[in-house]
Amino acid sequence: MRVLITGAGGMVGRESVEHCRRLGDEVLAHDRASLDITRDDLIAETFARERPDAVLNCAAWTDVDGCELDPLRAHRVNAEAVGALALASRQVGASFVTVSTDYVFDGEREGFYTQRDDPEPRSVYGVAKLQGERRAQFSTARCTVVRTGWIFGAGGKNFLATVVARARRGEPLKAIFDAWGTPTYAPHLAARLRELAALDLPGTYHVVNAGDGASYEEFAREAADAAGCAGARIEAVSADSLARPAPRPRNSRLRCLLSPAVGLAPLPDWRDALRQFAETQ
């Protein structure tokens, strides 16, 4: 399969490039330097020239607080550009898979969010990502939206991706005890994106590792154990104590109703994925 991947310089994009190449795909990898997704003309020219069979959109501006402070940029990258990529995919006959977020939900309910729950984002980031979903679905019928969250993996810059290394360095960690999500290992997410591109069954999928989810504190303690640092200094703090610019959902745990119906097996439990990640660090 001829696969075009945007955001190839990011954590999920890199994993997607490597996974698709291992499968023998012809991979057209684009980072910000090779394709500015805020330029509709460049998107159209690139797609017309390279004519992919499938597009994996891993490009996004994921700085939640940065988005809150610069909503125009957030909407340009996370909403308008997604619609332009989807339109270009339709024009060259490619299926389109785009990565969205658990932040499209308000986080006020208990349990898991499924496709039956109405999105009600609270942050600029969540609003922009939801608009990106809708623009993509409007622009092409062959659109697969993948909501995910709490992504960790090699080369990531977020708390979840760096906690193993920080624990091994003996650094003290602050971890939120009153916010919950479903951790997602980047290589497993990348593999599922490729599966969905090949399946080409449009819809909205929730893709996270199996398990009951965790708080940041629980994830940090499990990560320290997996790294052989059971005595790591982890301070439990409340989400409100951090006084961040953008609101976050208190609970953004995801579960998918559609994946079993189309024959997709659950991803491995997040604890097993965390141990696998720790072994590579």
C-alpha atoms as a PDB file:
ATOM      1  CA  MET A   1       0.000   0.000   0.000  1.00  0.00           C
ATOM      2  CA  ARG A   2       1.184   3.524  -0.771  1.00  0.00           C
ATOM      3  CA  VAL A   3       0.761   5.415   2.507  1.00  0.00           C
ATOM      4  CA  LEU A   4       1.206   9.147   3.051  1.00  0.00           C
ATOM      5  CA  ILE A   5       1.878  10.060   6.685  1.00  0.00           C
ATOM      6  CA  THR A   6       1.697  13.614   8.003  1.00  0.00           C
ATOM      7  CA  GLY A   7       3.275  14.564  11.307  1.00  0.00           C
ATOM      8  CA  ALA A   8       6.054  12.062  10.602  1.00  0.00           C
ATOM      9  CA  GLY A   9       8.388  13.884  12.973  1.00  0.00           C
ATOM     10  CA  GLY A  10       6.143  13.349  16.005  1.00  0.00           C
ATOM     11  CA  MET A  11       5.914  10.357  18.312  1.00  0.00           C
ATOM     12  CA  VAL A  12       2.911   8.674  16.649  1.00  0.00           C
ATOM     13  CA  GLY A  13       4.033   9.701  13.179  1.00  0.00           C
ATOM     14  CA  ARG A  14       7.476   8.155  13.616  1.00  0.00           C
ATOM     15  CA  GLU A  15       5.992   4.919  14.899  1.00  0.00           C
ATOM     16  CA  SER A  16       3.546   4.858  11.971  1.00  0.00           C
ATOM     17  CA  VAL A  17       6.340   5.337   9.450  1.00  0.00           C
ATOM     18  CA  GLU A  18       8.369   2.498  10.976  1.00  0.00           C
ATOM     19  CA  HIS A  19       5.383   0.164  11.246  1.00  0.00           C
ATOM     20  CA  CYS A  20       4.210   0.722   7.677  1.00  0.00           C
ATOM     21  CA  ARG A  21       7.720   0.213   6.324  1.00  0.00           C
ATOM     22  CA  ARG A  22       8.027  -3.065   8.232  1.00  0.00           C
ATOM     23  CA  LEU A  23       4.862  -4.206   6.485  1.00  0.00           C
ATOM     24  CA  GLY A  24       6.411  -3.389   3.104  1.00  0.00           C
ATOM     25  CA  ASP A  25       4.348  -0.291   2.383  1.00  0.00           C
ATOM     26  CA  GLU A  26       5.660   2.487   0.205  1.00  0.00           C
ATOM     27  CA  VAL A  27       5.752   5.279   2.774  1.00  0.00           C
ATOM     28  CA  LEU A  28       5.529   8.966   1.904  1.00  0.00           C
ATOM     29  CA  ALA A  29       6.580  10.580   5.183  1.00  0.00           C
ATOM     30  CA  HIS A  30       6.038  14.295   5.730  1.00  0.00           C
ATOM     31  CA  ASP A  31       7.010  16.435   8.681  1.00  0.00           C
ATOM     32  CA  ARG A  32       6.495  20.182   9.042  1.00  0.00           C
ATOM     33  CA  ALA A  33       9.554  20.929   6.904  1.00  0.00           C
ATOM     34  CA  SER A  34       8.367  18.927   3.896  1.00  0.00           C
ATOM     35  CA  LEU A  35       4.636  19.718   4.088  1.00  0.00           C
ATOM     36  CA  ASP A  36       3.096  22.750   5.750  1.00  0.00           C
ATOM     37  CA  ILE A  37      -0.426  21.500   6.433  1.00  0.00           C
ATOM     38  CA  THR A  38      -1.675  25.049   6.920  1.00  0.00           C
ATOM     39  CA  ARG A  39      -1.110  25.627   3.182  1.00  0.00           C
ATOM     40  CA  ASP A  40      -4.041  24.180   1.244  1.00  0.00           C
ATOM     41  CA  ASP A  41      -2.210  24.691  -2.063  1.00  0.00           C
ATOM     42  CA  LEU A  42       0.805  22.689  -0.897  1.00  0.00           C
ATOM     43  CA  ILE A  43      -1.429  19.886   0.341  1.00  0.00           C
ATOM     44  CA  ALA A  44      -3.208  19.675  -3.014  1.00  0.00           C
ATOM     45  CA  GLU A  45       0.070  19.752  -4.965  1.00  0.00           C
ATOM     46  CA  THR A  46       1.706  17.100  -2.773  1.00  0.00           C
ATOM     47  CA  PHE A  47      -1.236  14.720  -2.907  1.00  0.00           C
ATOM     48  CA  ALA A  48      -1.661  15.139  -6.665  1.00  0.00           C
ATOM     49  CA  ARG A  49       2.028  14.391  -7.176  1.00  0.00           C
ATOM     50  CA  GLU A  50       2.358  11.463  -4.759  1.00  0.00           C
ATOM     51  CA  ARG A  51      -1.124   9.936  -5.153  1.00  0.00           C
ATOM     52  CA  PRO A  52      -1.310   7.805  -2.000  1.00  0.00           C
ATOM     53  CA  ASP A  53      -3.726   4.928  -1.472  1.00  0.00           C
ATOM     54  CA  ALA A  54      -4.172   5.891   2.167  1.00  0.00           C
ATOM     55  CA  VAL A  55      -3.390   8.899   4.352  1.00  0.00           C
ATOM     56  CA  LEU A  56      -2.574   8.755   8.065  1.00  0.00           C
ATOM     57  CA  ASN A  57      -2.866  12.221   9.567  1.00  0.00           C
ATOM     58  CA  CYS A  58      -0.672  12.241  12.659  1.00  0.00           C
ATOM     59  CA  ALA A  59      -0.019  15.990  12.469  1.00  0.00           C
ATOM     60  CA  ALA A  60      -1.432  18.194  15.226  1.00  0.00           C
ATOM     61  CA  TRP A  61      -0.620  20.959  17.639  1.00  0.00           C
ATOM     62  CA  THR A  62      -0.911  19.077  20.923  1.00  0.00           C
ATOM     63  CA  ASP A  63       0.235  21.807  23.328  1.00  0.00           C
ATOM     64  CA  VAL A  64      -3.062  22.101  25.196  1.00  0.00           C
ATOM     65  CA  ASP A  65      -2.110  25.242  27.083  1.00  0.00           C
ATOM     66  CA  GLY A  66      -0.525  26.760  23.978  1.00  0.00           C
ATOM     67  CA  CYS A  67      -3.778  26.216  22.100  1.00  0.00           C
ATOM     68  CA  GLU A  68      -5.702  27.973  24.857  1.00  0.00           C
ATOM     69  CA  LEU A  69      -3.470  31.021  24.460  1.00  0.00           C
ATOM     70  CA  ASP A  70      -3.463  31.016  20.637  1.00  0.00           C
ATOM     71  CA  PRO A  71      -6.876  29.801  19.436  1.00  0.00           C
ATOM     72  CA  LEU A  72      -6.364  31.007  15.853  1.00  0.00           C
ATOM     73  CA  ARG A  73      -3.328  28.786  15.390  1.00  0.00           C
ATOM     74  CA  ALA A  74      -5.058  25.916  17.177  1.00  0.00           C
ATOM     75  CA  HIS A  75      -7.995  26.013  14.782  1.00  0.00           C
ATOM     76  CA  ARG A  76      -5.802  26.426  11.723  1.00  0.00           C
ATOM     77  CA  VAL A  77      -3.707  23.362  12.515  1.00  0.00           C
ATOM     78  CA  ASN A  78      -6.166  21.104  14.331  1.00  0.00           C
ATOM     79  CA  ALA A  79      -9.365  21.906  12.414  1.00  0.00           C
ATOM     80  CA  GLU A  80      -8.951  23.674   9.078  1.00  0.00           C
ATOM     81  CA  ALA A  81      -5.870  21.726   8.014  1.00  0.00           C
ATOM     82  CA  VAL A  82      -7.561  18.414   8.795  1.00  0.00           C
ATOM     83  CA  GLY A  83     -10.422  19.306   6.476  1.00  0.00           C
ATOM     84  CA  ALA A  84      -7.965  20.257   3.736  1.00  0.00           C
ATOM     85  CA  LEU A  85      -6.079  16.964   4.109  1.00  0.00           C
ATOM     86  CA  ALA A  86      -9.348  15.013   3.949  1.00  0.00           C
ATOM     87  CA  LEU A  87     -10.465  16.888   0.843  1.00  0.00           C
ATOM     88  CA  ALA A  88      -7.155  16.235  -0.891  1.00  0.00           C
ATOM     89  CA  SER A  89      -7.460  12.548   0.032  1.00  0.00           C
ATOM     90  CA  ARG A  90     -10.866  12.376  -1.627  1.00  0.00           C
ATOM     91  CA  GLN A  91      -9.560  14.091  -4.742  1.00  0.00           C
ATOM     92  CA  VAL A  92      -6.867  11.430  -5.250  1.00  0.00           C
ATOM     93  CA  GLY A  93      -9.045   8.483  -4.189  1.00  0.00           C
ATOM     94  CA  ALA A  94      -7.269   7.766  -0.895  1.00  0.00           C
ATOM     95  CA  SER A  95      -8.769   6.618   2.385  1.00  0.00           C
ATOM     96  CA  PHE A  96      -8.207   9.094   5.223  1.00  0.00           C
ATOM     97  CA  VAL A  97      -7.425   8.279   8.851  1.00  0.00           C
ATOM     98  CA  THR A  98      -7.016  11.161  11.291  1.00  0.00           C
ATOM     99  CA  VAL A  99      -5.987  11.120  14.941  1.00  0.00           C
ATOM    100  CA  SER A 100      -8.287  12.965  17.344  1.00  0.00           C
ATOM    101  CA  THR A 101      -8.405  13.161  21.121  1.00  0.00           C
ATOM    102  CA  ASP A 102     -10.189  12.193  24.315  1.00  0.00           C
ATOM    103  CA  TYR A 103     -10.335  15.939  25.068  1.00  0.00           C
ATOM    104  CA  VAL A 104     -13.442  16.236  22.886  1.00  0.00           C
ATOM    105  CA  PHE A 105     -15.321  15.099  26.033  1.00  0.00           C
ATOM    106  CA  ASP A 106     -15.980  17.269  29.091  1.00  0.00           C
ATOM    107  CA  GLY A 107     -14.796  14.614  31.537  1.00  0.00           C
ATOM    108  CA  GLU A 108     -17.722  14.970  33.929  1.00  0.00           C
ATOM    109  CA  ARG A 109     -19.148  11.462  33.642  1.00  0.00           C
ATOM    110  CA  GLU A 110     -17.955   8.329  35.409  1.00  0.00           C
ATOM    111  CA  GLY A 111     -16.763   5.219  33.629  1.00  0.00           C
ATOM    112  CA  PHE A 112     -15.810   5.160  29.970  1.00  0.00           C
ATOM    113  CA  TYR A 113     -16.734   7.426  27.084  1.00  0.00           C
ATOM    114  CA  THR A 114     -17.929   5.564  23.988  1.00  0.00           C
ATOM    115  CA  GLN A 115     -19.243   6.633  20.592  1.00  0.00           C
ATOM    116  CA  ARG A 116     -22.700   6.941  22.183  1.00  0.00           C
ATOM    117  CA  ASP A 117     -21.544   9.940  24.227  1.00  0.00           C
ATOM    118  CA  ASP A 118     -21.895  13.434  22.810  1.00  0.00           C
ATOM    119  CA  PRO A 119     -18.649  15.410  22.645  1.00  0.00           C
ATOM    120  CA  GLU A 120     -18.582  18.538  24.811  1.00  0.00           C
ATOM    121  CA  PRO A 121     -15.022  19.877  24.774  1.00  0.00           C
ATOM    122  CA  ARG A 122     -13.992  22.379  27.442  1.00  0.00           C
ATOM    123  CA  SER A 123     -10.688  23.623  26.009  1.00  0.00           C
ATOM    124  CA  VAL A 124      -9.693  25.391  22.809  1.00  0.00           C
ATOM    125  CA  TYR A 125      -7.652  22.300  21.943  1.00  0.00           C
ATOM    126  CA  GLY A 126     -10.661  20.005  22.368  1.00  0.00           C
ATOM    127  CA  VAL A 127     -12.954  22.331  20.378  1.00  0.00           C
ATOM    128  CA  ALA A 128     -10.450  22.536  17.513  1.00  0.00           C
ATOM    129  CA  LYS A 129      -9.916  18.778  17.411  1.00  0.00           C
ATOM    130  CA  LEU A 130     -13.677  18.166  17.337  1.00  0.00           C
ATOM    131  CA  GLN A 131     -14.024  20.628  14.474  1.00  0.00           C
ATOM    132  CA  GLY A 132     -11.205  18.764  12.741  1.00  0.00           C
ATOM    133  CA  GLU A 133     -13.178  15.541  13.032  1.00  0.00           C
ATOM    134  CA  ARG A 134     -16.277  17.155  11.544  1.00  0.00           C
ATOM    135  CA  ARG A 135     -14.452  18.934   8.738  1.00  0.00           C
ATOM    136  CA  ALA A 136     -12.778  15.674   7.754  1.00  0.00           C
ATOM    137  CA  GLN A 137     -16.052  13.749   7.768  1.00  0.00           C
ATOM    138  CA  PHE A 138     -17.683  16.469   5.688  1.00  0.00           C
ATOM    139  CA  SER A 139     -14.813  16.504   3.179  1.00  0.00           C
ATOM    140  CA  THR A 140     -14.616  12.784   2.427  1.00  0.00           C
ATOM    141  CA  ALA A 141     -16.876   9.802   2.925  1.00  0.00           C
ATOM    142  CA  ARG A 142     -13.815   7.561   3.368  1.00  0.00           C
ATOM    143  CA  CYS A 143     -12.917   9.147   6.701  1.00  0.00           C
ATOM    144  CA  THR A 144     -11.854   7.250   9.797  1.00  0.00           C
ATOM    145  CA  VAL A 145     -11.590   9.293  12.997  1.00  0.00           C
ATOM    146  CA  VAL A 146      -9.435   7.789  15.734  1.00  0.00           C
ATOM    147  CA  ARG A 147      -9.938   9.231  19.207  1.00  0.00           C
ATOM    148  CA  THR A 148      -7.156   8.380  21.590  1.00  0.00           C
ATOM    149  CA  GLY A 149      -5.346   9.850  24.562  1.00  0.00           C
ATOM    150  CA  TRP A 150      -2.646   9.527  27.200  1.00  0.00           C
ATOM    151  CA  ILE A 151      -0.124   8.502  24.555  1.00  0.00           C
ATOM    152  CA  PHE A 152       3.311   7.377  25.692  1.00  0.00           C
ATOM    153  CA  GLY A 153       6.311   6.093  23.755  1.00  0.00           C
ATOM    154  CA  ALA A 154       9.861   6.725  22.665  1.00  0.00           C
ATOM    155  CA  GLY A 155      10.743  10.339  21.965  1.00  0.00           C
ATOM    156  CA  GLY A 156       7.582  11.765  23.485  1.00  0.00           C
ATOM    157  CA  LYS A 157       7.706  15.039  25.382  1.00  0.00           C
ATOM    158  CA  ASN A 158       4.702  14.623  27.659  1.00  0.00           C
ATOM    159  CA  PHE A 159       4.679  13.433  31.279  1.00  0.00           C
ATOM    160  CA  LEU A 160       3.633   9.891  30.398  1.00  0.00           C
ATOM    161  CA  ALA A 161       6.415   9.476  27.848  1.00  0.00           C
ATOM    162  CA  THR A 162       9.166  10.826  30.121  1.00  0.00           C
ATOM    163  CA  VAL A 163       8.252   9.348  33.499  1.00  0.00           C
ATOM    164  CA  VAL A 164      10.363   6.182  33.062  1.00  0.00           C
ATOM    165  CA  ALA A 165      13.516   8.149  32.252  1.00  0.00           C
ATOM    166  CA  ARG A 166      12.874  10.642  35.045  1.00  0.00           C
ATOM    167  CA  ALA A 167      12.341   7.862  37.582  1.00  0.00           C
ATOM    168  CA  ARG A 168      15.599   6.206  36.549  1.00  0.00           C
ATOM    169  CA  ARG A 169      17.423   9.502  36.980  1.00  0.00           C
ATOM    170  CA  GLY A 170      16.062   9.724  40.504  1.00  0.00           C
ATOM    171  CA  GLU A 171      14.148  12.924  39.814  1.00  0.00           C
ATOM    172  CA  PRO A 172      11.212  13.727  42.109  1.00  0.00           C
ATOM    173  CA  LEU A 173       7.895  13.558  40.276  1.00  0.00           C
ATOM    174  CA  LYS A 174       4.573  15.296  40.790  1.00  0.00           C
ATOM    175  CA  ALA A 175       1.655  13.229  39.495  1.00  0.00           C
ATOM    176  CA  ILE A 176      -2.036  14.123  39.489  1.00  0.00           C
ATOM    177  CA  PHE A 177      -4.190  11.789  41.569  1.00  0.00           C
ATOM    178  CA  ASP A 178      -7.641  13.079  40.589  1.00  0.00           C
ATOM    179  CA  ALA A 179      -7.650  12.856  36.774  1.00  0.00           C
ATOM    180  CA  TRP A 180      -8.104   9.586  34.889  1.00  0.00           C
ATOM    181  CA  GLY A 181      -7.585   8.338  31.353  1.00  0.00           C
ATOM    182  CA  THR A 182      -6.698   5.277  29.313  1.00  0.00           C
ATOM    183  CA  PRO A 183      -2.962   5.060  28.502  1.00  0.00           C
ATOM    184  CA  THR A 184      -2.055   4.309  24.887  1.00  0.00           C
ATOM    185  CA  TYR A 185       1.307   2.984  23.696  1.00  0.00           C
ATOM    186  CA  ALA A 186       2.385   4.763  20.522  1.00  0.00           C
ATOM    187  CA  PRO A 187       3.550   1.611  18.621  1.00  0.00           C
ATOM    188  CA  HIS A 188       0.212  -0.091  19.328  1.00  0.00           C
ATOM    189  CA  LEU A 189      -1.685   2.995  18.201  1.00  0.00           C
ATOM    190  CA  ALA A 190       0.377   3.188  15.015  1.00  0.00           C
ATOM    191  CA  ALA A 191      -0.358  -0.449  14.192  1.00  0.00           C
ATOM    192  CA  ARG A 192      -4.091   0.117  14.651  1.00  0.00           C
ATOM    193  CA  LEU A 193      -4.016   3.235  12.432  1.00  0.00           C
ATOM    194  CA  ARG A 194      -2.528   1.107   9.651  1.00  0.00           C
ATOM    195  CA  GLU A 195      -5.141  -1.614  10.244  1.00  0.00           C
ATOM    196  CA  LEU A 196      -7.931   0.924   9.969  1.00  0.00           C
ATOM    197  CA  ALA A 197      -6.481   2.391   6.782  1.00  0.00           C
ATOM    198  CA  ALA A 198      -6.449  -1.060   5.195  1.00  0.00           C
ATOM    199  CA  LEU A 199      -9.909  -1.909   6.535  1.00  0.00           C
ATOM    200  CA  ASP A 200     -11.310   1.305   5.030  1.00  0.00           C
ATOM    201  CA  LEU A 201     -14.533   1.172   7.043  1.00  0.00           C
ATOM    202  CA  PRO A 202     -15.349   4.812   7.833  1.00  0.00           C
ATOM    203  CA  GLY A 203     -16.432   5.724  11.311  1.00  0.00           C
ATOM    204  CA  THR A 204     -15.250   6.978  14.670  1.00  0.00           C
ATOM    205  CA  TYR A 205     -13.065   4.597  16.638  1.00  0.00           C
ATOM    206  CA  HIS A 206     -11.760   4.891  20.184  1.00  0.00           C
ATOM    207  CA  VAL A 207      -8.258   3.416  20.212  1.00  0.00           C
ATOM    208  CA  VAL A 208      -6.528   2.941  23.581  1.00  0.00           C
ATOM    209  CA  ASN A 209      -4.795   0.096  25.346  1.00  0.00           C
ATOM    210  CA  ALA A 210      -6.994  -2.338  27.262  1.00  0.00           C
ATOM    211  CA  GLY A 211      -7.565  -2.096  30.995  1.00  0.00           C
ATOM    212  CA  ASP A 212      -9.550   0.029  33.387  1.00  0.00           C
ATOM    213  CA  GLY A 213      -7.468   3.131  32.839  1.00  0.00           C
ATOM    214  CA  ALA A 214      -5.477   4.983  35.474  1.00  0.00           C
ATOM    215  CA  SER A 215      -4.779   8.274  37.157  1.00  0.00           C
ATOM    216  CA  TYR A 216      -1.504  10.029  36.392  1.00  0.00           C
ATOM    217  CA  GLU A 217      -0.309   8.997  39.837  1.00  0.00           C
ATOM    218  CA  GLU A 218      -1.127   5.336  39.236  1.00  0.00           C
ATOM    219  CA  PHE A 219       0.575   5.449  35.841  1.00  0.00           C
ATOM    220  CA  ALA A 220       3.675   7.058  37.360  1.00  0.00           C
ATOM    221  CA  ARG A 221       3.938   4.413  40.097  1.00  0.00           C
ATOM    222  CA  GLU A 222       3.450   1.576  37.612  1.00  0.00           C
ATOM    223  CA  ALA A 223       6.063   3.153  35.346  1.00  0.00           C
ATOM    224  CA  ALA A 224       8.551   3.448  38.186  1.00  0.00           C
ATOM    225  CA  ASP A 225       8.003  -0.204  39.079  1.00  0.00           C
ATOM    226  CA  ALA A 226       8.423  -1.245  35.439  1.00  0.00           C
ATOM    227  CA  ALA A 227      11.681   0.703  35.322  1.00  0.00           C
ATOM    228  CA  GLY A 228      12.989  -0.995  38.467  1.00  0.00           C
ATOM    229  CA  CYS A 229      12.599   2.174  40.525  1.00  0.00           C
ATOM    230  CA  ALA A 230       9.970   1.144  43.047  1.00  0.00           C
ATOM    231  CA  GLY A 231      11.336   3.689  45.510  1.00  0.00           C
ATOM    232  CA  ALA A 232      10.905   6.638  43.153  1.00  0.00           C
ATOM    233  CA  ARG A 233       9.851   9.890  44.818  1.00  0.00           C
ATOM    234  CA  ILE A 234       6.324  10.561  43.544  1.00  0.00           C
ATOM    235  CA  GLU A 235       4.239  13.341  45.060  1.00  0.00           C
ATOM    236  CA  ALA A 236       0.489  13.073  44.501  1.00  0.00           C
ATOM    237  CA  VAL A 237      -1.059  16.452  43.653  1.00  0.00           C
ATOM    238  CA  SER A 238      -4.519  17.613  42.604  1.00  0.00           C
ATOM    239  CA  ALA A 239      -5.182  18.813  39.065  1.00  0.00           C
ATOM    240  CA  ASP A 240      -6.442  22.172  40.374  1.00  0.00           C
ATOM    241  CA  SER A 241      -3.196  22.816  42.219  1.00  0.00           C
ATOM    242  CA  LEU A 242      -1.282  23.153  38.941  1.00  0.00           C
ATOM    243  CA  ALA A 243      -3.266  26.224  37.775  1.00  0.00           C
ATOM    244  CA  ARG A 244      -2.804  25.518  34.077  1.00  0.00           C
ATOM    245  CA  PRO A 245      -4.313  27.870  31.438  1.00  0.00           C
ATOM    246  CA  ALA A 246      -6.488  25.224  29.741  1.00  0.00           C
ATOM    247  CA  PRO A 247      -9.117  23.107  31.481  1.00  0.00           C
ATOM    248  CA  ARG A 248      -8.675  19.350  31.225  1.00  0.00           C
ATOM    249  CA  PRO A 249     -11.297  16.609  31.505  1.00  0.00           C
ATOM    250  CA  ARG A 250     -11.317  15.032  34.960  1.00  0.00           C
ATOM    251  CA  ASN A 251     -12.101  11.659  33.411  1.00  0.00           C
ATOM    252  CA  SER A 252     -11.375  10.925  29.761  1.00  0.00           C
ATOM    253  CA  ARG A 253     -11.286   7.144  29.742  1.00  0.00           C
ATOM    254  CA  LEU A 254     -12.286   5.717  26.358  1.00  0.00           C
ATOM    255  CA  ARG A 255     -13.848   2.471  25.201  1.00  0.00           C
ATOM    256  CA  CYS A 256     -14.743   1.486  21.627  1.00  0.00           C
ATOM    257  CA  LEU A 257     -18.076  -0.019  20.613  1.00  0.00           C
ATOM    258  CA  LEU A 258     -17.200  -0.253  16.930  1.00  0.00           C
ATOM    259  CA  SER A 259     -13.882  -2.132  16.941  1.00  0.00           C
ATOM    260  CA  PRO A 260     -15.274  -5.529  18.084  1.00  0.00           C
ATOM    261  CA  ALA A 261     -18.065  -5.240  15.531  1.00  0.00           C
ATOM    262  CA  VAL A 262     -15.566  -5.007  12.660  1.00  0.00           C
ATOM    263  CA  GLY A 263     -13.307  -7.770  13.982  1.00  0.00           C
ATOM    264  CA  LEU A 264     -10.535  -5.702  15.583  1.00  0.00           C
ATOM    265  CA  ALA A 265      -8.971  -7.320  18.634  1.00  0.00           C
ATOM    266  CA  PRO A 266      -8.379  -5.229  21.770  1.00  0.00           C
ATOM    267  CA  LEU A 267      -4.938  -3.692  22.141  1.00  0.00           C
ATOM    268  CA  PRO A 268      -2.772  -5.198  24.921  1.00  0.00           C
ATOM    269  CA  ASP A 269      -3.353  -4.085  28.503  1.00  0.00           C
ATOM    270  CA  TRP A 270      -1.688  -0.743  29.214  1.00  0.00           C
ATOM    271  CA  ARG A 271       0.376  -2.225  32.048  1.00  0.00           C
ATOM    272  CA  ASP A 272       1.872  -4.802  29.689  1.00  0.00           C
ATOM    273  CA  ALA A 273       2.516  -2.056  27.149  1.00  0.00           C
ATOM    274  CA  LEU A 274       4.182   0.048  29.846  1.00  0.00           C
ATOM    275  CA  ARG A 275       6.520  -2.806  30.750  1.00  0.00           C
ATOM    276  CA  GLN A 276       7.349  -3.253  27.063  1.00  0.00           C
ATOM    277  CA  PHE A 277       8.108   0.465  26.811  1.00  0.00           C
ATOM    278  CA  ALA A 278      10.307   0.403  29.928  1.00  0.00           C
ATOM    279  CA  GLU A 279      12.374  -2.441  28.475  1.00  0.00           C
ATOM    280  CA  THR A 280      13.244  -0.309  25.462  1.00  0.00           C
ATOM    281  CA  GLN A 281      14.380   2.717  27.460  1.00  0.00           C
END
